[in-house]
PDB file of all heavy atoms in Angstrom:
ATOM      1  N   PRO A   1       0.813  -1.228   0.000  1.00  0.00           N
ATOM      2  CA  PRO A   1       0.000   0.000   0.000  1.00  0.00           C
ATOM      3  C   PRO A   1       0.840   1.269   0.000  1.00  0.00           C
ATOM      4  O   PRO A   1       0.376   2.321  -0.440  1.00  0.00           O
ATOM      5  CB  PRO A   1      -0.841  -0.125   1.279  1.00  0.00           C
ATOM      6  CG  PRO A   1      -0.101  -1.077   2.143  1.00  0.00           C
ATOM      7  CD  PRO A   1       0.605  -2.012   1.235  1.00  0.00           C
ATOM      8  N   ASN A   2       2.087   1.164   0.475  1.00  0.00           N
ATOM      9  CA  ASN A   2       2.974   2.330   0.418  1.00  0.00           C
ATOM     10  C   ASN A   2       3.328   2.663  -1.026  1.00  0.00           C
ATOM     11  O   ASN A   2       3.374   3.835  -1.419  1.00  0.00           O
ATOM     12  CB  ASN A   2       4.248   2.054   1.232  1.00  0.00           C
ATOM     13  CG  ASN A   2       4.537   3.151   2.244  1.00  0.00           C
ATOM     14  OD1 ASN A   2       3.827   4.145   2.335  1.00  0.00           O
ATOM     15  ND2 ASN A   2       5.592   2.973   3.008  1.00  0.00           N
ATOM     16  N   ILE A   3       3.597   1.630  -1.830  1.00  0.00           N
ATOM     17  CA  ILE A   3       3.845   1.845  -3.256  1.00  0.00           C
ATOM     18  C   ILE A   3       2.624   2.483  -3.906  1.00  0.00           C
ATOM     19  O   ILE A   3       2.732   3.442  -4.680  1.00  0.00           O
ATOM     20  CB  ILE A   3       4.178   0.514  -3.955  1.00  0.00           C
ATOM     21  CG1 ILE A   3       5.500  -0.059  -3.443  1.00  0.00           C
ATOM     22  CG2 ILE A   3       4.253   0.714  -5.475  1.00  0.00           C
ATOM     23  CD1 ILE A   3       5.798  -1.459  -3.957  1.00  0.00           C
ATOM     24  N   ALA A   4       1.454   1.963  -3.578  1.00  0.00           N
ATOM     25  CA  ALA A   4       0.221   2.466  -4.185  1.00  0.00           C
ATOM     26  C   ALA A   4       0.006   3.937  -3.864  1.00  0.00           C
ATOM     27  O   ALA A   4      -0.329   4.740  -4.756  1.00  0.00           O
ATOM     28  CB  ALA A   4      -0.967   1.633  -3.715  1.00  0.00           C
ATOM     29  N   ARG A   5       0.191   4.319  -2.613  1.00  0.00           N
ATOM     30  CA  ARG A   5      -0.088   5.716  -2.259  1.00  0.00           C
ATOM     31  C   ARG A   5       0.940   6.665  -2.857  1.00  0.00           C
ATOM     32  O   ARG A   5       0.611   7.795  -3.221  1.00  0.00           O
ATOM     33  CB  ARG A   5      -0.210   5.890  -0.747  1.00  0.00           C
ATOM     34  CG  ARG A   5       1.071   5.727   0.058  1.00  0.00           C
ATOM     35  CD  ARG A   5       0.812   6.029   1.529  1.00  0.00           C
ATOM     36  NE  ARG A   5       2.039   5.907   2.324  1.00  0.00           N
ATOM     37  CZ  ARG A   5       2.377   6.731   3.305  1.00  0.00           C
ATOM     38  NH1 ARG A   5       1.592   7.743   3.628  1.00  0.00           N
ATOM     39  NH2 ARG A   5       3.485   6.543   4.000  1.00  0.00           N
ATOM     40  N   LEU A   6       2.192   6.212  -2.994  1.00  0.00           N
ATOM     41  CA  LEU A   6       3.186   7.077  -3.615  1.00  0.00           C
ATOM     42  C   LEU A   6       2.906   7.266  -5.103  1.00  0.00           C
ATOM     43  O   LEU A   6       2.889   8.395  -5.613  1.00  0.00           O
ATOM     44  CB  LEU A   6       4.589   6.504  -3.418  1.00  0.00           C
ATOM     45  CG  LEU A   6       5.710   7.246  -4.152  1.00  0.00           C
ATOM     46  CD1 LEU A   6       5.762   8.716  -3.744  1.00  0.00           C
ATOM     47  CD2 LEU A   6       7.057   6.582  -3.913  1.00  0.00           C
ATOM     48  N   LEU A   7       2.677   6.176  -5.824  1.00  0.00           N
ATOM     49  CA  LEU A   7       2.442   6.292  -7.263  1.00  0.00           C
ATOM     50  C   LEU A   7       1.159   7.052  -7.567  1.00  0.00           C
ATOM     51  O   LEU A   7       1.090   7.814  -8.541  1.00  0.00           O
ATOM     52  CB  LEU A   7       2.406   4.905  -7.902  1.00  0.00           C
ATOM     53  CG  LEU A   7       3.723   4.120  -7.865  1.00  0.00           C
ATOM     54  CD1 LEU A   7       3.550   2.766  -8.528  1.00  0.00           C
ATOM     55  CD2 LEU A   7       4.851   4.902  -8.512  1.00  0.00           C
ATOM     56  N   ALA A   8       0.136   6.872  -6.736  1.00  0.00           N
ATOM     57  CA  ALA A   8      -1.124   7.590  -6.948  1.00  0.00           C
ATOM     58  C   ALA A   8      -0.969   9.089  -6.722  1.00  0.00           C
ATOM     59  O   ALA A   8      -1.738   9.887  -7.265  1.00  0.00           O
ATOM     60  CB  ALA A   8      -2.209   7.023  -6.034  1.00  0.00           C
ATOM     61  N   SER A   9       0.030   9.479  -5.934  1.00  0.00           N
ATOM     62  CA  SER A   9       0.239  10.903  -5.625  1.00  0.00           C
ATOM     63  C   SER A   9       1.446  11.476  -6.352  1.00  0.00           C
ATOM     64  O   SER A   9       1.954  12.544  -5.987  1.00  0.00           O
ATOM     65  CB  SER A   9       0.418  11.094  -4.118  1.00  0.00           C
ATOM     66  OG  SER A   9       1.575  10.410  -3.647  1.00  0.00           O
ATOM     67  N   LEU A  10       1.910  10.806  -7.392  1.00  0.00           N
ATOM     68  CA  LEU A  10       3.151  11.188  -8.068  1.00  0.00           C
ATOM     69  C   LEU A  10       3.138  12.629  -8.568  1.00  0.00           C
ATOM     70  O   LEU A  10       4.187  13.288  -8.623  1.00  0.00           O
ATOM     71  CB  LEU A  10       3.408  10.223  -9.233  1.00  0.00           C
ATOM     72  CG  LEU A  10       4.734  10.365  -9.977  1.00  0.00           C
ATOM     73  CD1 LEU A  10       5.917  10.182  -9.036  1.00  0.00           C
ATOM     74  CD2 LEU A  10       4.800   9.374 -11.125  1.00  0.00           C
ATOM     75  N   GLY A  11       1.969  13.124  -8.923  1.00  0.00           N
ATOM     76  CA  GLY A  11       1.878  14.498  -9.410  1.00  0.00           C
ATOM     77  C   GLY A  11       2.404  15.534  -8.449  1.00  0.00           C
ATOM     78  O   GLY A  11       2.798  16.638  -8.862  1.00  0.00           O
ATOM     79  N   GLU A  12       2.450  15.200  -7.168  1.00  0.00           N
ATOM     80  CA  GLU A  12       2.884  16.148  -6.140  1.00  0.00           C
ATOM     81  C   GLU A  12       4.401  16.316  -6.093  1.00  0.00           C
ATOM     82  O   GLU A  12       4.906  17.194  -5.393  1.00  0.00           O
ATOM     83  CB  GLU A  12       2.380  15.673  -4.768  1.00  0.00           C
ATOM     84  CG  GLU A  12       2.434  16.721  -3.697  1.00  0.00           C
ATOM     85  CD  GLU A  12       1.065  17.101  -3.171  1.00  0.00           C
ATOM     86  OE1 GLU A  12       0.069  16.854  -3.867  1.00  0.00           O
ATOM     87  OE2 GLU A  12       0.991  17.633  -2.073  1.00  0.00           O
ATOM     88  N   TYR A  13       5.132  15.508  -6.830  1.00  0.00           N
ATOM     89  CA  TYR A  13       6.584  15.486  -6.712  1.00  0.00           C
ATOM     90  C   TYR A  13       7.288  16.124  -7.905  1.00  0.00           C
ATOM     91  O   TYR A  13       8.517  16.170  -7.946  1.00  0.00           O
ATOM     92  CB  TYR A  13       7.068  14.035  -6.546  1.00  0.00           C
ATOM     93  CG  TYR A  13       6.571  13.399  -5.279  1.00  0.00           C
ATOM     94  CD1 TYR A  13       5.288  12.863  -5.192  1.00  0.00           C
ATOM     95  CD2 TYR A  13       7.362  13.376  -4.140  1.00  0.00           C
ATOM     96  CE1 TYR A  13       4.816  12.303  -4.017  1.00  0.00           C
ATOM     97  CE2 TYR A  13       6.901  12.817  -2.956  1.00  0.00           C
ATOM     98  CZ  TYR A  13       5.622  12.291  -2.906  1.00  0.00           C
ATOM     99  OH  TYR A  13       5.153  11.744  -1.731  1.00  0.00           O
ATOM    100  N   ILE A  14       6.546  16.641  -8.864  1.00  0.00           N
ATOM    101  CA  ILE A  14       7.142  17.088 -10.122  1.00  0.00           C
ATOM    102  C   ILE A  14       7.603  18.538 -10.072  1.00  0.00           C
ATOM    103  O   ILE A  14       8.706  18.866 -10.526  1.00  0.00           O
ATOM    104  CB  ILE A  14       6.138  16.886 -11.274  1.00  0.00           C
ATOM    105  CG1 ILE A  14       5.743  15.407 -11.377  1.00  0.00           C
ATOM    106  CG2 ILE A  14       6.736  17.366 -12.594  1.00  0.00           C
ATOM    107  CD1 ILE A  14       4.633  15.124 -12.372  1.00  0.00           C
ATOM    108  N   TYR A  15       6.783  19.432  -9.513  1.00  0.00           N
ATOM    109  CA  TYR A  15       7.066  20.868  -9.538  1.00  0.00           C
ATOM    110  C   TYR A  15       6.993  21.464  -8.135  1.00  0.00           C
ATOM    111  O   TYR A  15       6.289  20.958  -7.261  1.00  0.00           O
ATOM    112  CB  TYR A  15       6.046  21.613 -10.406  1.00  0.00           C
ATOM    113  CG  TYR A  15       5.922  21.132 -11.820  1.00  0.00           C
ATOM    114  CD1 TYR A  15       4.852  20.329 -12.212  1.00  0.00           C
ATOM    115  CD2 TYR A  15       6.854  21.507 -12.790  1.00  0.00           C
ATOM    116  CE1 TYR A  15       4.708  19.898 -13.521  1.00  0.00           C
ATOM    117  CE2 TYR A  15       6.722  21.085 -14.107  1.00  0.00           C
ATOM    118  CZ  TYR A  15       5.643  20.269 -14.463  1.00  0.00           C
ATOM    119  OH  TYR A  15       5.518  19.849 -15.757  1.00  0.00           O
ATOM    120  N   SER A  16       7.703  22.561  -7.977  1.00  0.00           N
ATOM    121  CA  SER A  16       7.492  23.418  -6.807  1.00  0.00           C
ATOM    122  C   SER A  16       7.698  24.866  -7.235  1.00  0.00           C
ATOM    123  O   SER A  16       8.261  25.144  -8.299  1.00  0.00           O
ATOM    124  CB  SER A  16       8.434  23.050  -5.650  1.00  0.00           C
ATOM    125  OG  SER A  16       9.781  23.268  -5.998  1.00  0.00           O
ATOM    126  N   VAL A  17       7.222  25.778  -6.391  1.00  0.00           N
ATOM    127  CA  VAL A  17       7.286  27.207  -6.698  1.00  0.00           C
ATOM    128  C   VAL A  17       7.916  27.945  -5.537  1.00  0.00           C
ATOM    129  O   VAL A  17       7.571  27.719  -4.375  1.00  0.00           O
ATOM    130  CB  VAL A  17       5.874  27.781  -6.975  1.00  0.00           C
ATOM    131  CG1 VAL A  17       5.950  29.292  -7.195  1.00  0.00           C
ATOM    132  CG2 VAL A  17       5.242  27.097  -8.172  1.00  0.00           C
ATOM    133  N   GLN A  18       8.855  28.815  -5.869  1.00  0.00           N
ATOM    134  CA  GLN A  18       9.414  29.737  -4.882  1.00  0.00           C
ATOM    135  C   GLN A  18       9.480  31.129  -5.502  1.00  0.00           C
ATOM    136  O   GLN A  18      10.103  31.316  -6.554  1.00  0.00           O
ATOM    137  CB  GLN A  18      10.814  29.306  -4.437  1.00  0.00           C
ATOM    138  CG  GLN A  18      11.396  30.220  -3.353  1.00  0.00           C
ATOM    139  CD  GLN A  18      12.830  29.865  -2.992  1.00  0.00           C
ATOM    140  OE1 GLN A  18      13.607  29.478  -3.853  1.00  0.00           O
ATOM    141  NE2 GLN A  18      13.179  29.981  -1.728  1.00  0.00           N
ATOM    142  N   ASP A  19       8.836  32.072  -4.846  1.00  0.00           N
ATOM    143  CA  ASP A  19       8.820  33.450  -5.334  1.00  0.00           C
ATOM    144  C   ASP A  19       8.387  33.502  -6.804  1.00  0.00           C
ATOM    145  O   ASP A  19       7.279  33.138  -7.123  1.00  0.00           O
ATOM    146  CB  ASP A  19      10.191  34.110  -5.140  1.00  0.00           C
ATOM    147  CG  ASP A  19      10.580  34.226  -3.684  1.00  0.00           C
ATOM    148  OD1 ASP A  19       9.677  34.306  -2.836  1.00  0.00           O
ATOM    149  OD2 ASP A  19      11.785  34.214  -3.389  1.00  0.00           O
ATOM    150  N   LYS A  20       9.297  33.880  -7.691  1.00  0.00           N
ATOM    151  CA  LYS A  20       8.967  34.054  -9.105  1.00  0.00           C
ATOM    152  C   LYS A  20       9.511  32.928  -9.977  1.00  0.00           C
ATOM    153  O   LYS A  20       9.712  33.116 -11.186  1.00  0.00           O
ATOM    154  CB  LYS A  20       9.520  35.395  -9.607  1.00  0.00           C
ATOM    155  CG  LYS A  20       8.905  36.616  -8.921  1.00  0.00           C
ATOM    156  CD  LYS A  20       9.464  37.905  -9.505  1.00  0.00           C
ATOM    157  CE  LYS A  20       8.808  39.128  -8.859  1.00  0.00           C
ATOM    158  NZ  LYS A  20       9.330  40.398  -9.447  1.00  0.00           N
ATOM    159  N   THR A  21       9.739  31.760  -9.376  1.00  0.00           N
ATOM    160  CA  THR A  21      10.355  30.672 -10.137  1.00  0.00           C
ATOM    161  C   THR A  21       9.593  29.369  -9.955  1.00  0.00           C
ATOM    162  O   THR A  21       9.218  29.004  -8.840  1.00  0.00           O
ATOM    163  CB  THR A  21      11.820  30.463  -9.698  1.00  0.00           C
ATOM    164  OG1 THR A  21      12.539  31.687  -9.844  1.00  0.00           O
ATOM    165  CG2 THR A  21      12.492  29.391 -10.539  1.00  0.00           C
ATOM    166  N   VAL A  22       9.344  28.685 -11.076  1.00  0.00           N
ATOM    167  CA  VAL A  22       8.777  27.339 -11.063  1.00  0.00           C
ATOM    168  C   VAL A  22       9.921  26.350 -11.263  1.00  0.00           C
ATOM    169  O   VAL A  22      10.665  26.447 -12.242  1.00  0.00           O
ATOM    170  CB  VAL A  22       7.748  27.141 -12.200  1.00  0.00           C
ATOM    171  CG1 VAL A  22       7.222  25.710 -12.198  1.00  0.00           C
ATOM    172  CG2 VAL A  22       6.614  28.137 -12.074  1.00  0.00           C
ATOM    173  N   TYR A  23      10.067  25.415 -10.331  1.00  0.00           N
ATOM    174  CA  TYR A  23      11.120  24.408 -10.418  1.00  0.00           C
ATOM    175  C   TYR A  23      10.553  23.097 -10.955  1.00  0.00           C
ATOM    176  O   TYR A  23       9.523  22.622 -10.477  1.00  0.00           O
ATOM    177  CB  TYR A  23      11.740  24.165  -9.046  1.00  0.00           C
ATOM    178  CG  TYR A  23      12.626  25.302  -8.584  1.00  0.00           C
ATOM    179  CD1 TYR A  23      12.088  26.381  -7.892  1.00  0.00           C
ATOM    180  CD2 TYR A  23      13.982  25.304  -8.861  1.00  0.00           C
ATOM    181  CE1 TYR A  23      12.893  27.447  -7.482  1.00  0.00           C
ATOM    182  CE2 TYR A  23      14.796  26.355  -8.456  1.00  0.00           C
ATOM    183  CZ  TYR A  23      14.247  27.419  -7.773  1.00  0.00           C
ATOM    184  OH  TYR A  23      15.048  28.458  -7.376  1.00  0.00           O
ATOM    185  N   THR A  24      11.248  22.531 -11.932  1.00  0.00           N
ATOM    186  CA  THR A  24      10.886  21.221 -12.470  1.00  0.00           C
ATOM    187  C   THR A  24      11.864  20.199 -11.926  1.00  0.00           C
ATOM    188  O   THR A  24      13.052  20.213 -12.276  1.00  0.00           O
ATOM    189  CB  THR A  24      10.939  21.217 -14.004  1.00  0.00           C
ATOM    190  OG1 THR A  24      10.072  22.231 -14.504  1.00  0.00           O
ATOM    191  CG2 THR A  24      10.507  19.870 -14.551  1.00  0.00           C
ATOM    192  N   HIS A  25      11.365  19.312 -11.075  1.00  0.00           N
ATOM    193  CA  HIS A  25      12.230  18.325 -10.427  1.00  0.00           C
ATOM    194  C   HIS A  25      12.271  17.000 -11.176  1.00  0.00           C
ATOM    195  O   HIS A  25      13.305  16.329 -11.213  1.00  0.00           O
ATOM    196  CB  HIS A  25      11.755  18.079  -8.993  1.00  0.00           C
ATOM    197  CG  HIS A  25      11.610  19.318  -8.179  1.00  0.00           C
ATOM    198  ND1 HIS A  25      12.643  20.205  -7.977  1.00  0.00           N
ATOM    199  CD2 HIS A  25      10.539  19.846  -7.521  1.00  0.00           C
ATOM    200  CE1 HIS A  25      12.222  21.211  -7.225  1.00  0.00           C
ATOM    201  NE2 HIS A  25      10.951  21.021  -6.935  1.00  0.00           N
ATOM    202  N   LEU A  26      11.133  16.607 -11.744  1.00  0.00           N
ATOM    203  CA  LEU A  26      11.036  15.344 -12.463  1.00  0.00           C
ATOM    204  C   LEU A  26      10.502  15.606 -13.863  1.00  0.00           C
ATOM    205  O   LEU A  26       9.596  16.436 -14.041  1.00  0.00           O
ATOM    206  CB  LEU A  26      10.104  14.367 -11.734  1.00  0.00           C
ATOM    207  CG  LEU A  26      10.509  13.936 -10.326  1.00  0.00           C
ATOM    208  CD1 LEU A  26       9.396  13.111  -9.681  1.00  0.00           C
ATOM    209  CD2 LEU A  26      11.813  13.147 -10.338  1.00  0.00           C
ATOM    210  N   TYR A  27      11.039  14.887 -14.826  1.00  0.00           N
ATOM    211  CA  TYR A  27      10.581  15.048 -16.206  1.00  0.00           C
ATOM    212  C   TYR A  27       9.532  13.988 -16.505  1.00  0.00           C
ATOM    213  O   TYR A  27       9.831  12.890 -16.978  1.00  0.00           O
ATOM    214  CB  TYR A  27      11.772  14.989 -17.154  1.00  0.00           C
ATOM    215  CG  TYR A  27      12.670  16.201 -16.989  1.00  0.00           C
ATOM    216  CD1 TYR A  27      13.984  16.083 -16.563  1.00  0.00           C
ATOM    217  CD2 TYR A  27      12.175  17.486 -17.232  1.00  0.00           C
ATOM    218  CE1 TYR A  27      14.792  17.201 -16.396  1.00  0.00           C
ATOM    219  CE2 TYR A  27      12.962  18.609 -17.064  1.00  0.00           C
ATOM    220  CZ  TYR A  27      14.277  18.460 -16.639  1.00  0.00           C
ATOM    221  OH  TYR A  27      15.050  19.589 -16.472  1.00  0.00           O
ATOM    222  N   ILE A  28       8.280  14.366 -16.196  1.00  0.00           N
ATOM    223  CA  ILE A  28       7.127  13.483 -16.362  1.00  0.00           C
ATOM    224  C   ILE A  28       6.057  14.257 -17.110  1.00  0.00           C
ATOM    225  O   ILE A  28       5.649  15.351 -16.699  1.00  0.00           O
ATOM    226  CB  ILE A  28       6.609  13.010 -14.986  1.00  0.00           C
ATOM    227  CG1 ILE A  28       7.679  12.159 -14.281  1.00  0.00           C
ATOM    228  CG2 ILE A  28       5.312  12.227 -15.133  1.00  0.00           C
ATOM    229  CD1 ILE A  28       7.310  11.724 -12.876  1.00  0.00           C
ATOM    230  N   GLY A  29       5.595  13.713 -18.204  1.00  0.00           N
ATOM    231  CA  GLY A  29       4.662  14.418 -19.068  1.00  0.00           C
ATOM    232  C   GLY A  29       3.311  14.688 -18.430  1.00  0.00           C
ATOM    233  O   GLY A  29       2.855  13.941 -17.567  1.00  0.00           O
ATOM    234  N   GLY A  30       2.674  15.776 -18.882  1.00  0.00           N
ATOM    235  CA  GLY A  30       1.348  16.134 -18.389  1.00  0.00           C
ATOM    236  C   GLY A  30       1.153  17.631 -18.364  1.00  0.00           C
ATOM    237  O   GLY A  30       1.913  18.387 -18.973  1.00  0.00           O
ATOM    238  N   GLU A  31       0.133  18.059 -17.645  1.00  0.00           N
ATOM    239  CA  GLU A  31      -0.172  19.482 -17.516  1.00  0.00           C
ATOM    240  C   GLU A  31      -0.240  19.866 -16.055  1.00  0.00           C
ATOM    241  O   GLU A  31      -0.673  19.070 -15.209  1.00  0.00           O
ATOM    242  CB  GLU A  31      -1.510  19.813 -18.178  1.00  0.00           C
ATOM    243  CG  GLU A  31      -1.534  19.618 -19.674  1.00  0.00           C
ATOM    244  CD  GLU A  31      -2.851  20.085 -20.284  1.00  0.00           C
ATOM    245  OE1 GLU A  31      -3.672  20.676 -19.546  1.00  0.00           O
ATOM    246  OE2 GLU A  31      -3.045  19.872 -21.490  1.00  0.00           O
ATOM    247  N   ALA A  32       0.187  21.100 -15.761  1.00  0.00           N
ATOM    248  CA  ALA A  32       0.129  21.610 -14.395  1.00  0.00           C
ATOM    249  C   ALA A  32      -0.409  23.030 -14.411  1.00  0.00           C
ATOM    250  O   ALA A  32       0.078  23.880 -15.173  1.00  0.00           O
ATOM    251  CB  ALA A  32       1.514  21.569 -13.749  1.00  0.00           C
ATOM    252  N   ALA A  33      -1.414  23.276 -13.590  1.00  0.00           N
ATOM    253  CA  ALA A  33      -1.937  24.628 -13.409  1.00  0.00           C
ATOM    254  C   ALA A  33      -1.195  25.247 -12.235  1.00  0.00           C
ATOM    255  O   ALA A  33      -1.330  24.800 -11.097  1.00  0.00           O
ATOM    256  CB  ALA A  33      -3.435  24.582 -13.144  1.00  0.00           C
ATOM    257  N   ILE A  34      -0.407  26.266 -12.509  1.00  0.00           N
ATOM    258  CA  ILE A  34       0.527  26.802 -11.520  1.00  0.00           C
ATOM    259  C   ILE A  34       0.321  28.304 -11.379  1.00  0.00           C
ATOM    260  O   ILE A  34       0.130  29.011 -12.374  1.00  0.00           O
ATOM    261  CB  ILE A  34       1.986  26.513 -11.945  1.00  0.00           C
ATOM    262  CG1 ILE A  34       2.213  25.001 -12.104  1.00  0.00           C
ATOM    263  CG2 ILE A  34       2.974  27.091 -10.943  1.00  0.00           C
ATOM    264  CD1 ILE A  34       3.547  24.646 -12.713  1.00  0.00           C
ATOM    265  N   GLU A  35       0.395  28.768 -10.138  1.00  0.00           N
ATOM    266  CA  GLU A  35       0.399  30.207  -9.902  1.00  0.00           C
ATOM    267  C   GLU A  35       1.789  30.619  -9.463  1.00  0.00           C
ATOM    268  O   GLU A  35       2.329  30.105  -8.489  1.00  0.00           O
ATOM    269  CB  GLU A  35      -0.627  30.603  -8.841  1.00  0.00           C
ATOM    270  CG  GLU A  35      -0.707  32.109  -8.641  1.00  0.00           C
ATOM    271  CD  GLU A  35      -1.877  32.552  -7.774  1.00  0.00           C
ATOM    272  OE1 GLU A  35      -2.794  31.741  -7.556  1.00  0.00           O
ATOM    273  OE2 GLU A  35      -1.859  33.714  -7.320  1.00  0.00           O
ATOM    274  N   VAL A  36       2.386  31.549 -10.209  1.00  0.00           N
ATOM    275  CA  VAL A  36       3.736  32.015  -9.912  1.00  0.00           C
ATOM    276  C   VAL A  36       3.796  33.514 -10.155  1.00  0.00           C
ATOM    277  O   VAL A  36       3.281  34.016 -11.159  1.00  0.00           O
ATOM    278  CB  VAL A  36       4.791  31.270 -10.765  1.00  0.00           C
ATOM    279  CG1 VAL A  36       4.507  31.389 -12.245  1.00  0.00           C
ATOM    280  CG2 VAL A  36       6.196  31.738 -10.424  1.00  0.00           C
ATOM    281  N   ALA A  37       4.395  34.215  -9.221  1.00  0.00           N
ATOM    282  CA  ALA A  37       4.541  35.674  -9.324  1.00  0.00           C
ATOM    283  C   ALA A  37       3.207  36.352  -9.591  1.00  0.00           C
ATOM    284  O   ALA A  37       3.112  37.310 -10.364  1.00  0.00           O
ATOM    285  CB  ALA A  37       5.549  36.027 -10.420  1.00  0.00           C
ATOM    286  N   GLY A  38       2.142  35.828  -8.966  1.00  0.00           N
ATOM    287  CA  GLY A  38       0.825  36.416  -9.117  1.00  0.00           C
ATOM    288  C   GLY A  38       0.144  36.097 -10.432  1.00  0.00           C
ATOM    289  O   GLY A  38      -0.927  36.630 -10.721  1.00  0.00           O
ATOM    290  N   THR A  39       0.764  35.241 -11.226  1.00  0.00           N
ATOM    291  CA  THR A  39       0.224  34.888 -12.542  1.00  0.00           C
ATOM    292  C   THR A  39      -0.229  33.438 -12.550  1.00  0.00           C
ATOM    293  O   THR A  39       0.490  32.550 -12.096  1.00  0.00           O
ATOM    294  CB  THR A  39       1.295  35.078 -13.639  1.00  0.00           C
ATOM    295  OG1 THR A  39       1.682  36.449 -13.669  1.00  0.00           O
ATOM    296  CG2 THR A  39       0.765  34.664 -14.996  1.00  0.00           C
ATOM    297  N   LYS A  40      -1.417  33.198 -13.075  1.00  0.00           N
ATOM    298  CA  LYS A  40      -1.876  31.830 -13.247  1.00  0.00           C
ATOM    299  C   LYS A  40      -1.480  31.368 -14.640  1.00  0.00           C
ATOM    300  O   LYS A  40      -1.751  32.046 -15.630  1.00  0.00           O
ATOM    301  CB  LYS A  40      -3.394  31.750 -13.077  1.00  0.00           C
ATOM    302  CG  LYS A  40      -3.852  32.012 -11.644  1.00  0.00           C
ATOM    303  CD  LYS A  40      -5.353  31.863 -11.502  1.00  0.00           C
ATOM    304  CE  LYS A  40      -5.787  32.094 -10.054  1.00  0.00           C
ATOM    305  NZ  LYS A  40      -7.258  31.973  -9.898  1.00  0.00           N
ATOM    306  N   MET A  41      -0.834  30.215 -14.687  1.00  0.00           N
ATOM    307  CA  MET A  41      -0.412  29.704 -15.983  1.00  0.00           C
ATOM    308  C   MET A  41      -0.558  28.190 -16.008  1.00  0.00           C
ATOM    309  O   MET A  41      -0.655  27.535 -14.972  1.00  0.00           O
ATOM    310  CB  MET A  41       1.032  30.120 -16.285  1.00  0.00           C
ATOM    311  CG  MET A  41       2.068  29.519 -15.365  1.00  0.00           C
ATOM    312  SD  MET A  41       2.898  28.104 -16.099  1.00  0.00           S
ATOM    313  CE  MET A  41       4.532  28.262 -15.392  1.00  0.00           C
TER     314      MET A  41
END
């Protein structure tokens, strides 16, 4: 079940945001709705 919960939540591990920068940690295809520097993109 630990494997299941990690893989099911994988989307949480791809990007993070600090101030005016979006960080890409993992190269996994898909779409992300992100707010950065007051901008929704």
